[in-house]
Amino acid sequence: MFRNYFKTAWRNLLKHKFYAFINIAGLTTGLTVGLLILLWVRDEMSFDSFHRKADSIYKLQCWGGTGTSRQVWTDIISPMGILAKQQLPEVTDVVRITYNGYYSQYQYKNKTFSDDVAVFVDPSFFSVFDFPLIAGNNAKPFSDDHAVVITRKIAEKYFGQEDPIGKVIIADGKESFTVTGVINNFPHNSSMRYDMMMPMSLKAQWLIKDHRDINT
Protein backbone atom coordinates (compact mmCIF):
# COMPACT_ATOMS: atom_id res chain seq x y z
CA MET A 1 0.00 0.00 0.00
CA PHE A 2 2.72 2.45 0.95
CA ARG A 3 4.51 1.54 -2.27
CA ASN A 4 1.46 2.62 -4.27
CA TYR A 5 1.26 5.89 -2.32
CA PHE A 6 4.91 6.55 -3.09
CA LYS A 7 4.43 5.86 -6.80
CA THR A 8 1.43 8.19 -6.93
CA ALA A 9 3.30 10.95 -5.16
CA TRP A 10 6.31 10.52 -7.44
CA ARG A 11 4.14 10.73 -10.57
CA ASN A 12 2.51 13.92 -9.27
CA LEU A 13 5.92 15.42 -8.63
CA LEU A 14 7.02 14.65 -12.18
CA LYS A 15 3.79 15.92 -13.60
CA HIS A 16 3.86 19.23 -11.67
CA LYS A 17 7.58 19.89 -11.42
CA PHE A 18 7.35 23.66 -10.99
CA TYR A 19 4.84 23.57 -8.12
CA ALA A 20 6.67 20.63 -6.55
CA PHE A 21 9.90 22.61 -6.61
CA ILE A 22 8.22 25.61 -4.97
CA ASN A 23 6.68 23.44 -2.22
CA ILE A 24 9.88 21.52 -1.51
CA ALA A 25 11.99 24.71 -1.54
CA GLY A 26 9.53 26.44 0.80
CA LEU A 27 9.46 23.49 3.18
CA THR A 28 13.26 23.24 3.19
CA THR A 29 13.65 26.99 3.78
CA GLY A 30 11.09 26.95 6.59
CA LEU A 31 12.74 24.01 8.35
CA THR A 32 16.19 25.57 7.97
CA VAL A 33 15.10 28.94 9.35
CA GLY A 34 13.23 27.24 12.19
CA LEU A 35 16.28 25.20 13.18
CA LEU A 36 18.54 28.26 13.03
CA ILE A 37 16.16 30.23 15.24
CA LEU A 38 15.98 27.31 17.68
CA LEU A 39 19.78 27.10 17.85
CA TRP A 40 20.04 30.86 18.34
CA VAL A 41 17.46 30.89 21.16
CA ARG A 42 19.17 27.93 22.81
CA ASP A 43 22.52 29.74 22.67
CA GLU A 44 21.02 32.95 24.08
CA MET A 45 19.36 31.05 26.93
CA SER A 46 22.65 29.36 27.81
CA PHE A 47 24.45 32.63 28.67
CA ASP A 48 25.93 32.55 32.19
CA SER A 49 23.95 29.39 33.00
CA PHE A 50 27.18 27.42 33.54
CA HIS A 51 27.73 29.08 36.92
CA ARG A 52 26.74 26.67 39.67
CA LYS A 53 25.26 29.55 41.69
CA ALA A 54 23.50 31.09 38.68
CA ASP A 55 20.07 30.97 40.36
CA SER A 56 21.42 33.01 43.29
CA ILE A 57 23.42 35.60 41.36
CA TYR A 58 21.84 38.98 40.70
CA LYS A 59 23.09 42.08 38.91
CA LEU A 60 22.44 45.40 40.61
CA GLN A 61 21.21 48.18 38.32
CA CYS A 62 20.00 51.77 38.66
CA TRP A 63 16.48 52.70 37.58
CA GLY A 64 15.35 56.28 37.21
CA GLY A 65 12.28 58.12 35.97
CA THR A 66 8.77 56.87 35.31
CA GLY A 67 6.67 55.96 32.31
CA THR A 68 8.24 56.70 28.94
CA SER A 69 11.08 58.63 30.60
CA ARG A 70 12.15 55.62 32.65
CA GLN A 71 15.82 54.68 32.20
CA VAL A 72 17.99 51.80 33.35
CA TRP A 73 21.72 52.10 33.94
CA THR A 74 23.84 48.96 34.10
CA ASP A 75 26.48 50.84 36.13
CA ILE A 76 26.05 51.65 39.79
CA ILE A 77 28.10 53.40 42.46
CA SER A 78 30.69 51.12 44.02
CA PRO A 79 29.73 51.48 47.73
CA MET A 80 26.23 50.14 47.01
CA GLY A 81 27.42 46.52 46.91
CA ILE A 82 29.34 46.81 50.18
CA LEU A 83 26.39 48.53 51.87
CA ALA A 84 24.01 45.80 50.64
CA LYS A 85 26.21 43.10 52.12
CA GLN A 86 26.40 44.92 55.45
CA GLN A 87 22.69 45.65 55.82
CA LEU A 88 20.90 42.84 53.96
CA PRO A 89 21.33 39.35 55.44
CA GLU A 90 20.13 37.84 52.14
CA VAL A 91 23.29 39.14 50.44
CA THR A 92 26.01 36.61 51.18
CA ASP A 93 28.71 38.03 48.92
CA VAL A 94 29.35 40.91 46.53
CA VAL A 95 31.46 41.24 43.40
CA ARG A 96 32.34 44.63 41.95
CA ILE A 97 33.65 44.89 38.39
CA THR A 98 34.75 48.08 36.70
CA TYR A 99 36.62 48.81 33.49
CA ASN A 100 40.29 49.67 33.85
CA GLY A 101 40.86 52.79 31.81
CA TYR A 102 44.03 53.85 33.59
CA TYR A 103 46.36 51.85 31.33
CA SER A 104 46.47 51.51 27.57
CA GLN A 105 49.62 49.45 26.90
CA TYR A 106 51.18 46.42 28.53
CA GLN A 107 54.72 45.22 28.06
CA TYR A 108 56.68 42.09 28.81
CA LYS A 109 60.38 42.24 27.91
CA ASN A 110 60.49 43.59 24.34
CA LYS A 111 56.85 42.83 23.47
CA THR A 112 54.12 45.47 23.76
CA PHE A 113 50.36 44.88 23.64
CA SER A 114 47.52 47.40 23.56
CA ASP A 115 44.30 45.58 22.67
CA ASP A 116 43.66 43.64 25.85
CA VAL A 117 40.64 44.24 28.09
CA ALA A 118 41.58 44.89 31.71
CA VAL A 119 39.16 45.29 34.61
CA PHE A 120 39.27 45.81 38.35
CA VAL A 121 37.50 43.10 40.36
CA ASP A 122 37.02 42.01 43.94
CA PRO A 123 38.74 38.74 44.97
CA SER A 124 35.24 37.26 45.35
CA PHE A 125 35.00 37.32 41.54
CA PHE A 126 36.75 33.94 41.50
CA SER A 127 34.51 32.32 44.12
CA VAL A 128 31.07 33.70 43.21
CA PHE A 129 31.53 32.96 39.51
CA ASP A 130 32.86 29.69 38.13
CA PHE A 131 36.15 31.07 36.87
CA PRO A 132 38.54 29.11 39.11
CA LEU A 133 42.27 29.61 38.86
CA ILE A 134 44.11 26.89 36.95
CA ALA A 135 47.37 28.36 38.25
CA GLY A 136 47.77 30.36 41.45
CA ASN A 137 45.97 30.46 44.79
CA ASN A 138 42.15 30.37 44.60
CA ALA A 139 41.87 31.47 48.22
CA LYS A 140 44.05 34.51 47.55
CA PRO A 141 44.08 35.41 43.86
CA PHE A 142 45.78 38.78 44.47
CA SER A 143 48.91 38.83 46.61
CA ASP A 144 48.93 42.64 46.75
CA ASP A 145 47.55 45.72 44.99
CA HIS A 146 49.86 45.23 42.02
CA ALA A 147 48.93 41.65 41.25
CA VAL A 148 47.10 40.55 38.11
CA VAL A 149 45.15 37.46 37.08
CA ILE A 150 45.17 36.70 33.37
CA THR A 151 43.47 34.27 31.01
CA ARG A 152 45.19 31.29 29.42
CA LYS A 153 45.05 33.13 26.07
CA ILE A 154 46.96 36.11 27.47
CA ALA A 155 49.46 33.84 29.22
CA GLU A 156 50.32 32.19 25.90
CA LYS A 157 50.30 35.53 24.09
CA TYR A 158 52.68 37.25 26.52
CA PHE A 159 54.86 34.42 27.80
CA GLY A 160 54.60 31.61 25.26
CA GLN A 161 55.49 28.31 26.93
CA GLU A 162 56.98 29.98 30.02
CA ASP A 163 55.33 29.62 33.42
CA PRO A 164 53.36 32.89 33.78
CA ILE A 165 53.21 32.86 37.59
CA GLY A 166 55.59 35.44 38.99
CA LYS A 167 56.17 37.16 35.66
CA VAL A 168 56.02 40.97 35.68
CA ILE A 169 53.97 43.01 33.20
CA ILE A 170 54.69 46.72 32.82
CA ALA A 171 51.65 48.96 32.29
CA ASP A 172 52.22 52.19 30.33
CA GLY A 173 55.94 51.90 30.97
CA LYS A 174 55.64 52.79 34.66
CA GLU A 175 53.44 50.43 36.73
CA SER A 176 54.54 46.84 37.41
CA PHE A 177 52.06 44.00 37.86
CA THR A 178 53.01 40.51 38.95
CA VAL A 179 51.01 37.60 37.54
CA THR A 180 49.56 35.68 40.49
CA GLY A 181 46.91 33.62 38.72
CA VAL A 182 45.69 32.20 35.43
CA ILE A 183 42.13 31.20 34.52
CA ASN A 184 40.74 29.41 31.49
CA ASN A 185 39.53 31.57 28.62
CA PHE A 186 36.00 32.87 29.13
CA PRO A 187 33.45 30.65 27.36
CA HIS A 188 31.58 32.07 24.37
CA ASN A 189 28.31 32.08 26.34
CA SER A 190 29.64 34.28 29.12
CA SER A 191 28.48 37.89 29.36
CA MET A 192 31.89 38.67 30.90
CA ARG A 193 34.95 38.40 28.67
CA TYR A 194 38.09 39.99 30.05
CA ASP A 195 41.80 39.47 29.51
CA MET A 196 43.31 40.77 32.73
CA MET A 197 41.83 41.24 36.19
CA MET A 198 43.42 43.56 38.73
CA PRO A 199 42.42 44.08 42.38
CA MET A 200 39.66 46.54 43.18
CA SER A 201 41.83 47.84 46.05
CA LEU A 202 44.11 49.44 43.44
CA LYS A 203 41.11 51.17 41.88
CA ALA A 204 40.31 52.61 45.32
CA GLN A 205 43.84 54.00 45.55
CA TRP A 206 43.47 55.68 42.16
CA LEU A 207 40.15 57.24 43.22
CA ILE A 208 41.71 58.63 46.39
CA LYS A 209 44.62 60.01 44.38
CA ASP A 210 42.29 61.60 41.82
CA HIS A 211 40.26 63.18 44.64
CA ARG A 212 43.41 64.64 46.20
CA ASP A 213 44.59 66.01 42.85
CA ILE A 214 41.24 67.75 42.32
CA ASN A 215 41.36 69.36 45.75
CA THR A 216 44.97 70.60 45.55
C-alpha atoms as a PDB file:
ATOM      1  CA  MET A   1       0.000   0.000   0.000  1.00  0.00           C
ATOM      2  CA  PHE A   2       2.724   2.445   0.948  1.00  0.00           C
ATOM      3  CA  ARG A   3       4.511   1.538  -2.268  1.00  0.00           C
ATOM      4  CA  ASN A   4       1.460   2.622  -4.270  1.00  0.00           C
ATOM      5  CA  TYR A   5       1.265   5.890  -2.320  1.00  0.00           C
ATOM      6  CA  PHE A   6       4.909   6.551  -3.089  1.00  0.00           C
ATOM      7  CA  LYS A   7       4.426   5.856  -6.802  1.00  0.00           C
ATOM      8  CA  THR A   8       1.427   8.190  -6.933  1.00  0.00           C
ATOM      9  CA  ALA A   9       3.300  10.946  -5.161  1.00  0.00           C
ATOM     10  CA  TRP A  10       6.307  10.521  -7.439  1.00  0.00           C
ATOM     11  CA  ARG A  11       4.137  10.732 -10.570  1.00  0.00           C
ATOM     12  CA  ASN A  12       2.510  13.917  -9.273  1.00  0.00           C
ATOM     13  CA  LEU A  13       5.924  15.424  -8.632  1.00  0.00           C
ATOM     14  CA  LEU A  14       7.023  14.650 -12.177  1.00  0.00           C
ATOM     15  CA  LYS A  15       3.785  15.921 -13.595  1.00  0.00           C
ATOM     16  CA  HIS A  16       3.864  19.232 -11.670  1.00  0.00           C
ATOM     17  CA  LYS A  17       7.583  19.893 -11.424  1.00  0.00           C
ATOM     18  CA  PHE A  18       7.346  23.660 -10.992  1.00  0.00           C
ATOM     19  CA  TYR A  19       4.844  23.567  -8.122  1.00  0.00           C
ATOM     20  CA  ALA A  20       6.665  20.628  -6.549  1.00  0.00           C
ATOM     21  CA  PHE A  21       9.900  22.611  -6.612  1.00  0.00           C
ATOM     22  CA  ILE A  22       8.222  25.607  -4.965  1.00  0.00           C
ATOM     23  CA  ASN A  23       6.678  23.436  -2.216  1.00  0.00           C
ATOM     24  CA  ILE A  24       9.882  21.524  -1.506  1.00  0.00           C
ATOM     25  CA  ALA A  25      11.993  24.711  -1.539  1.00  0.00           C
ATOM     26  CA  GLY A  26       9.526  26.435   0.800  1.00  0.00           C
ATOM     27  CA  LEU A  27       9.463  23.485   3.176  1.00  0.00           C
ATOM     28  CA  THR A  28      13.258  23.242   3.192  1.00  0.00           C
ATOM     29  CA  THR A  29      13.653  26.987   3.782  1.00  0.00           C
ATOM     30  CA  GLY A  30      11.091  26.955   6.591  1.00  0.00           C
ATOM     31  CA  LEU A  31      12.739  24.013   8.352  1.00  0.00           C
ATOM     32  CA  THR A  32      16.195  25.568   7.974  1.00  0.00           C
ATOM     33  CA  VAL A  33      15.096  28.936   9.352  1.00  0.00           C
ATOM     34  CA  GLY A  34      13.232  27.240  12.191  1.00  0.00           C
ATOM     35  CA  LEU A  35      16.282  25.198  13.178  1.00  0.00           C
ATOM     36  CA  LEU A  36      18.545  28.255  13.027  1.00  0.00           C
ATOM     37  CA  ILE A  37      16.162  30.228  15.239  1.00  0.00           C
ATOM     38  CA  LEU A  38      15.981  27.313  17.680  1.00  0.00           C
ATOM     39  CA  LEU A  39      19.781  27.095  17.853  1.00  0.00           C
ATOM     40  CA  TRP A  40      20.041  30.864  18.338  1.00  0.00           C
ATOM     41  CA  VAL A  41      17.463  30.886  21.157  1.00  0.00           C
ATOM     42  CA  ARG A  42      19.169  27.927  22.812  1.00  0.00           C
ATOM     43  CA  ASP A  43      22.521  29.735  22.671  1.00  0.00           C
ATOM     44  CA  GLU A  44      21.025  32.947  24.084  1.00  0.00           C
ATOM     45  CA  MET A  45      19.362  31.054  26.928  1.00  0.00           C
ATOM     46  CA  SER A  46      22.647  29.361  27.813  1.00  0.00           C
ATOM     47  CA  PHE A  47      24.448  32.626  28.673  1.00  0.00           C
ATOM     48  CA  ASP A  48      25.934  32.549  32.191  1.00  0.00           C
ATOM     49  CA  SER A  49      23.954  29.394  33.002  1.00  0.00           C
ATOM     50  CA  PHE A  50      27.179  27.417  33.536  1.00  0.00           C
ATOM     51  CA  HIS A  51      27.725  29.078  36.921  1.00  0.00           C
ATOM     52  CA  ARG A  52      26.742  26.666  39.671  1.00  0.00           C
ATOM     53  CA  LYS A  53      25.259  29.546  41.686  1.00  0.00           C
ATOM     54  CA  ALA A  54      23.496  31.089  38.678  1.00  0.00           C
ATOM     55  CA  ASP A  55      20.068  30.975  40.360  1.00  0.00           C
ATOM     56  CA  SER A  56      21.416  33.006  43.290  1.00  0.00           C
ATOM     57  CA  ILE A  57      23.424  35.595  41.362  1.00  0.00           C
ATOM     58  CA  TYR A  58      21.838  38.984  40.697  1.00  0.00           C
ATOM     59  CA  LYS A  59      23.089  42.084  38.909  1.00  0.00           C
ATOM     60  CA  LEU A  60      22.442  45.396  40.607  1.00  0.00           C
ATOM     61  CA  GLN A  61      21.211  48.178  38.324  1.00  0.00           C
ATOM     62  CA  CYS A  62      20.000  51.774  38.655  1.00  0.00           C
ATOM     63  CA  TRP A  63      16.479  52.698  37.581  1.00  0.00           C
ATOM     64  CA  GLY A  64      15.353  56.278  37.206  1.00  0.00           C
ATOM     65  CA  GLY A  65      12.276  58.125  35.970  1.00  0.00           C
ATOM     66  CA  THR A  66       8.770  56.874  35.312  1.00  0.00           C
ATOM     67  CA  GLY A  67       6.675  55.961  32.307  1.00  0.00           C
ATOM     68  CA  THR A  68       8.236  56.695  28.936  1.00  0.00           C
ATOM     69  CA  SER A  69      11.077  58.629  30.596  1.00  0.00           C
ATOM     70  CA  ARG A  70      12.149  55.617  32.652  1.00  0.00           C
ATOM     71  CA  GLN A  71      15.816  54.682  32.199  1.00  0.00           C
ATOM     72  CA  VAL A  72      17.986  51.804  33.352  1.00  0.00           C
ATOM     73  CA  TRP A  73      21.722  52.096  33.941  1.00  0.00           C
ATOM     74  CA  THR A  74      23.843  48.960  34.101  1.00  0.00           C
ATOM     75  CA  ASP A  75      26.478  50.837  36.131  1.00  0.00           C
ATOM     76  CA  ILE A  76      26.049  51.652  39.792  1.00  0.00           C
ATOM     77  CA  ILE A  77      28.100  53.401  42.460  1.00  0.00           C
ATOM     78  CA  SER A  78      30.692  51.117  44.017  1.00  0.00           C
ATOM     79  CA  PRO A  79      29.732  51.476  47.728  1.00  0.00           C
ATOM     80  CA  MET A  80      26.227  50.135  47.014  1.00  0.00           C
ATOM     81  CA  GLY A  81      27.420  46.522  46.913  1.00  0.00           C
ATOM     82  CA  ILE A  82      29.339  46.810  50.180  1.00  0.00           C
ATOM     83  CA  LEU A  83      26.391  48.528  51.874  1.00  0.00           C
ATOM     84  CA  ALA A  84      24.014  45.804  50.645  1.00  0.00           C
ATOM     85  CA  LYS A  85      26.212  43.096  52.119  1.00  0.00           C
ATOM     86  CA  GLN A  86      26.397  44.922  55.445  1.00  0.00           C
ATOM     87  CA  GLN A  87      22.693  45.652  55.818  1.00  0.00           C
ATOM     88  CA  LEU A  88      20.899  42.844  53.957  1.00  0.00           C
ATOM     89  CA  PRO A  89      21.331  39.352  55.435  1.00  0.00           C
ATOM     90  CA  GLU A  90      20.135  37.840  52.143  1.00  0.00           C
ATOM     91  CA  VAL A  91      23.290  39.136  50.442  1.00  0.00           C
ATOM     92  CA  THR A  92      26.012  36.610  51.176  1.00  0.00           C
ATOM     93  CA  ASP A  93      28.709  38.033  48.916  1.00  0.00           C
ATOM     94  CA  VAL A  94      29.350  40.912  46.531  1.00  0.00           C
ATOM     95  CA  VAL A  95      31.459  41.240  43.396  1.00  0.00           C
ATOM     96  CA  ARG A  96      32.338  44.632  41.949  1.00  0.00           C
ATOM     97  CA  ILE A  97      33.649  44.892  38.394  1.00  0.00           C
ATOM     98  CA  THR A  98      34.751  48.077  36.696  1.00  0.00           C
ATOM     99  CA  TYR A  99      36.616  48.815  33.491  1.00  0.00           C
ATOM    100  CA  ASN A 100      40.294  49.672  33.852  1.00  0.00           C
ATOM    101  CA  GLY A 101      40.857  52.791  31.810  1.00  0.00           C
ATOM    102  CA  TYR A 102      44.034  53.854  33.590  1.00  0.00           C
ATOM    103  CA  TYR A 103      46.362  51.854  31.334  1.00  0.00           C
ATOM    104  CA  SER A 104      46.468  51.511  27.571  1.00  0.00           C
ATOM    105  CA  GLN A 105      49.620  49.452  26.901  1.00  0.00           C
ATOM    106  CA  TYR A 106      51.179  46.425  28.530  1.00  0.00           C
ATOM    107  CA  GLN A 107      54.719  45.225  28.061  1.00  0.00           C
ATOM    108  CA  TYR A 108      56.684  42.086  28.810  1.00  0.00           C
ATOM    109  CA  LYS A 109      60.375  42.239  27.909  1.00  0.00           C
ATOM    110  CA  ASN A 110      60.494  43.590  24.339  1.00  0.00           C
ATOM    111  CA  LYS A 111      56.853  42.834  23.471  1.00  0.00           C
ATOM    112  CA  THR A 112      54.124  45.471  23.760  1.00  0.00           C
ATOM    113  CA  PHE A 113      50.363  44.883  23.640  1.00  0.00           C
ATOM    114  CA  SER A 114      47.521  47.403  23.558  1.00  0.00           C
ATOM    115  CA  ASP A 115      44.302  45.582  22.665  1.00  0.00           C
ATOM    116  CA  ASP A 116      43.663  43.644  25.852  1.00  0.00           C
ATOM    117  CA  VAL A 117      40.640  44.238  28.088  1.00  0.00           C
ATOM    118  CA  ALA A 118      41.580  44.887  31.709  1.00  0.00           C
ATOM    119  CA  VAL A 119      39.162  45.293  34.612  1.00  0.00           C
ATOM    120  CA  PHE A 120      39.272  45.814  38.350  1.00  0.00           C
ATOM    121  CA  VAL A 121      37.497  43.097  40.364  1.00  0.00           C
ATOM    122  CA  ASP A 122      37.017  42.008  43.944  1.00  0.00           C
ATOM    123  CA  PRO A 123      38.741  38.742  44.968  1.00  0.00           C
ATOM    124  CA  SER A 124      35.240  37.261  45.349  1.00  0.00           C
ATOM    125  CA  PHE A 125      34.996  37.322  41.539  1.00  0.00           C
ATOM    126  CA  PHE A 126      36.753  33.945  41.501  1.00  0.00           C
ATOM    127  CA  SER A 127      34.510  32.322  44.119  1.00  0.00           C
ATOM    128  CA  VAL A 128      31.068  33.697  43.213  1.00  0.00           C
ATOM    129  CA  PHE A 129      31.529  32.956  39.512  1.00  0.00           C
ATOM    130  CA  ASP A 130      32.861  29.687  38.125  1.00  0.00           C
ATOM    131  CA  PHE A 131      36.150  31.068  36.875  1.00  0.00           C
ATOM    132  CA  PRO A 132      38.545  29.112  39.110  1.00  0.00           C
ATOM    133  CA  LEU A 133      42.275  29.614  38.856  1.00  0.00           C
ATOM    134  CA  ILE A 134      44.108  26.894  36.954  1.00  0.00           C
ATOM    135  CA  ALA A 135      47.368  28.360  38.248  1.00  0.00           C
ATOM    136  CA  GLY A 136      47.765  30.356  41.449  1.00  0.00           C
ATOM    137  CA  ASN A 137      45.966  30.457  44.787  1.00  0.00           C
ATOM    138  CA  ASN A 138      42.146  30.373  44.598  1.00  0.00           C
ATOM    139  CA  ALA A 139      41.867  31.468  48.220  1.00  0.00           C
ATOM    140  CA  LYS A 140      44.054  34.509  47.555  1.00  0.00           C
ATOM    141  CA  PRO A 141      44.078  35.412  43.859  1.00  0.00           C
ATOM    142  CA  PHE A 142      45.781  38.783  44.475  1.00  0.00           C
ATOM    143  CA  SER A 143      48.913  38.832  46.610  1.00  0.00           C
ATOM    144  CA  ASP A 144      48.926  42.645  46.749  1.00  0.00           C
ATOM    145  CA  ASP A 145      47.555  45.723  44.993  1.00  0.00           C
ATOM    146  CA  HIS A 146      49.863  45.230  42.020  1.00  0.00           C
ATOM    147  CA  ALA A 147      48.930  41.648  41.247  1.00  0.00           C
ATOM    148  CA  VAL A 148      47.098  40.553  38.115  1.00  0.00           C
ATOM    149  CA  VAL A 149      45.153  37.457  37.081  1.00  0.00           C
ATOM    150  CA  ILE A 150      45.172  36.702  33.366  1.00  0.00           C
ATOM    151  CA  THR A 151      43.473  34.267  31.007  1.00  0.00           C
ATOM    152  CA  ARG A 152      45.193  31.291  29.416  1.00  0.00           C
ATOM    153  CA  LYS A 153      45.050  33.134  26.070  1.00  0.00           C
ATOM    154  CA  ILE A 154      46.961  36.115  27.471  1.00  0.00           C
ATOM    155  CA  ALA A 155      49.458  33.835  29.222  1.00  0.00           C
ATOM    156  CA  GLU A 156      50.321  32.194  25.905  1.00  0.00           C
ATOM    157  CA  LYS A 157      50.303  35.534  24.088  1.00  0.00           C
ATOM    158  CA  TYR A 158      52.680  37.252  26.520  1.00  0.00           C
ATOM    159  CA  PHE A 159      54.855  34.418  27.797  1.00  0.00           C
ATOM    160  CA  GLY A 160      54.598  31.607  25.263  1.00  0.00           C
ATOM    161  CA  GLN A 161      55.493  28.312  26.931  1.00  0.00           C
ATOM    162  CA  GLU A 162      56.983  29.978  30.025  1.00  0.00           C
ATOM    163  CA  ASP A 163      55.330  29.621  33.417  1.00  0.00           C
ATOM    164  CA  PRO A 164      53.364  32.893  33.775  1.00  0.00           C
ATOM    165  CA  ILE A 165      53.211  32.856  37.585  1.00  0.00           C
ATOM    166  CA  GLY A 166      55.594  35.439  38.986  1.00  0.00           C
ATOM    167  CA  LYS A 167      56.172  37.157  35.658  1.00  0.00           C
ATOM    168  CA  VAL A 168      56.024  40.973  35.683  1.00  0.00           C
ATOM    169  CA  ILE A 169      53.971  43.011  33.199  1.00  0.00           C
ATOM    170  CA  ILE A 170      54.687  46.724  32.825  1.00  0.00           C
ATOM    171  CA  ALA A 171      51.647  48.957  32.293  1.00  0.00           C
ATOM    172  CA  ASP A 172      52.219  52.186  30.335  1.00  0.00           C
ATOM    173  CA  GLY A 173      55.939  51.898  30.973  1.00  0.00           C
ATOM    174  CA  LYS A 174      55.637  52.789  34.665  1.00  0.00           C
ATOM    175  CA  GLU A 175      53.436  50.427  36.725  1.00  0.00           C
ATOM    176  CA  SER A 176      54.544  46.843  37.411  1.00  0.00           C
ATOM    177  CA  PHE A 177      52.056  44.001  37.858  1.00  0.00           C
ATOM    178  CA  THR A 178      53.014  40.508  38.951  1.00  0.00           C
ATOM    179  CA  VAL A 179      51.014  37.602  37.537  1.00  0.00           C
ATOM    180  CA  THR A 180      49.563  35.683  40.487  1.00  0.00           C
ATOM    181  CA  GLY A 181      46.906  33.620  38.724  1.00  0.00           C
ATOM    182  CA  VAL A 182      45.690  32.200  35.427  1.00  0.00           C
ATOM    183  CA  ILE A 183      42.134  31.196  34.523  1.00  0.00           C
ATOM    184  CA  ASN A 184      40.741  29.408  31.494  1.00  0.00           C
ATOM    185  CA  ASN A 185      39.532  31.572  28.616  1.00  0.00           C
ATOM    186  CA  PHE A 186      36.005  32.869  29.131  1.00  0.00           C
ATOM    187  CA  PRO A 187      33.447  30.654  27.362  1.00  0.00           C
ATOM    188  CA  HIS A 188      31.577  32.068  24.370  1.00  0.00           C
ATOM    189  CA  ASN A 189      28.313  32.083  26.336  1.00  0.00           C
ATOM    190  CA  SER A 190      29.642  34.282  29.117  1.00  0.00           C
ATOM    191  CA  SER A 191      28.484  37.887  29.357  1.00  0.00           C
ATOM    192  CA  MET A 192      31.885  38.668  30.896  1.00  0.00           C
ATOM    193  CA  ARG A 193      34.952  38.402  28.673  1.00  0.00           C
ATOM    194  CA  TYR A 194      38.085  39.992  30.053  1.00  0.00           C
ATOM    195  CA  ASP A 195      41.805  39.473  29.506  1.00  0.00           C
ATOM    196  CA  MET A 196      43.307  40.772  32.727  1.00  0.00           C
ATOM    197  CA  MET A 197      41.826  41.238  36.185  1.00  0.00           C
ATOM    198  CA  MET A 198      43.416  43.564  38.728  1.00  0.00           C
ATOM    199  CA  PRO A 199      42.419  44.082  42.380  1.00  0.00           C
ATOM    200  CA  MET A 200      39.656  46.542  43.184  1.00  0.00           C
ATOM    201  CA  SER A 201      41.826  47.840  46.051  1.00  0.00           C
ATOM    202  CA  LEU A 202      44.111  49.439  43.444  1.00  0.00           C
ATOM    203  CA  LYS A 203      41.107  51.171  41.885  1.00  0.00           C
ATOM    204  CA  ALA A 204      40.309  52.607  45.316  1.00  0.00           C
ATOM    205  CA  GLN A 205      43.840  53.999  45.552  1.00  0.00           C
ATOM    206  CA  TRP A 206      43.469  55.679  42.163  1.00  0.00           C
ATOM    207  CA  LEU A 207      40.148  57.237  43.217  1.00  0.00           C
ATOM    208  CA  ILE A 208      41.711  58.633  46.391  1.00  0.00           C
ATOM    209  CA  LYS A 209      44.617  60.011  44.384  1.00  0.00           C
ATOM    210  CA  ASP A 210      42.290  61.598  41.822  1.00  0.00           C
ATOM    211  CA  HIS A 211      40.262  63.179  44.639  1.00  0.00           C
ATOM    212  CA  ARG A 212      43.414  64.642  46.200  1.00  0.00           C
ATOM    213  CA  ASP A 213      44.591  66.009  42.849  1.00  0.00           C
ATOM    214  CA  ILE A 214      41.236  67.749  42.322  1.00  0.00           C
ATOM    215  CA  ASN A 215      41.362  69.364  45.753  1.00  0.00           C
ATOM    216  CA  THR A 216      44.967  70.595  45.546  1.00  0.00           C
END
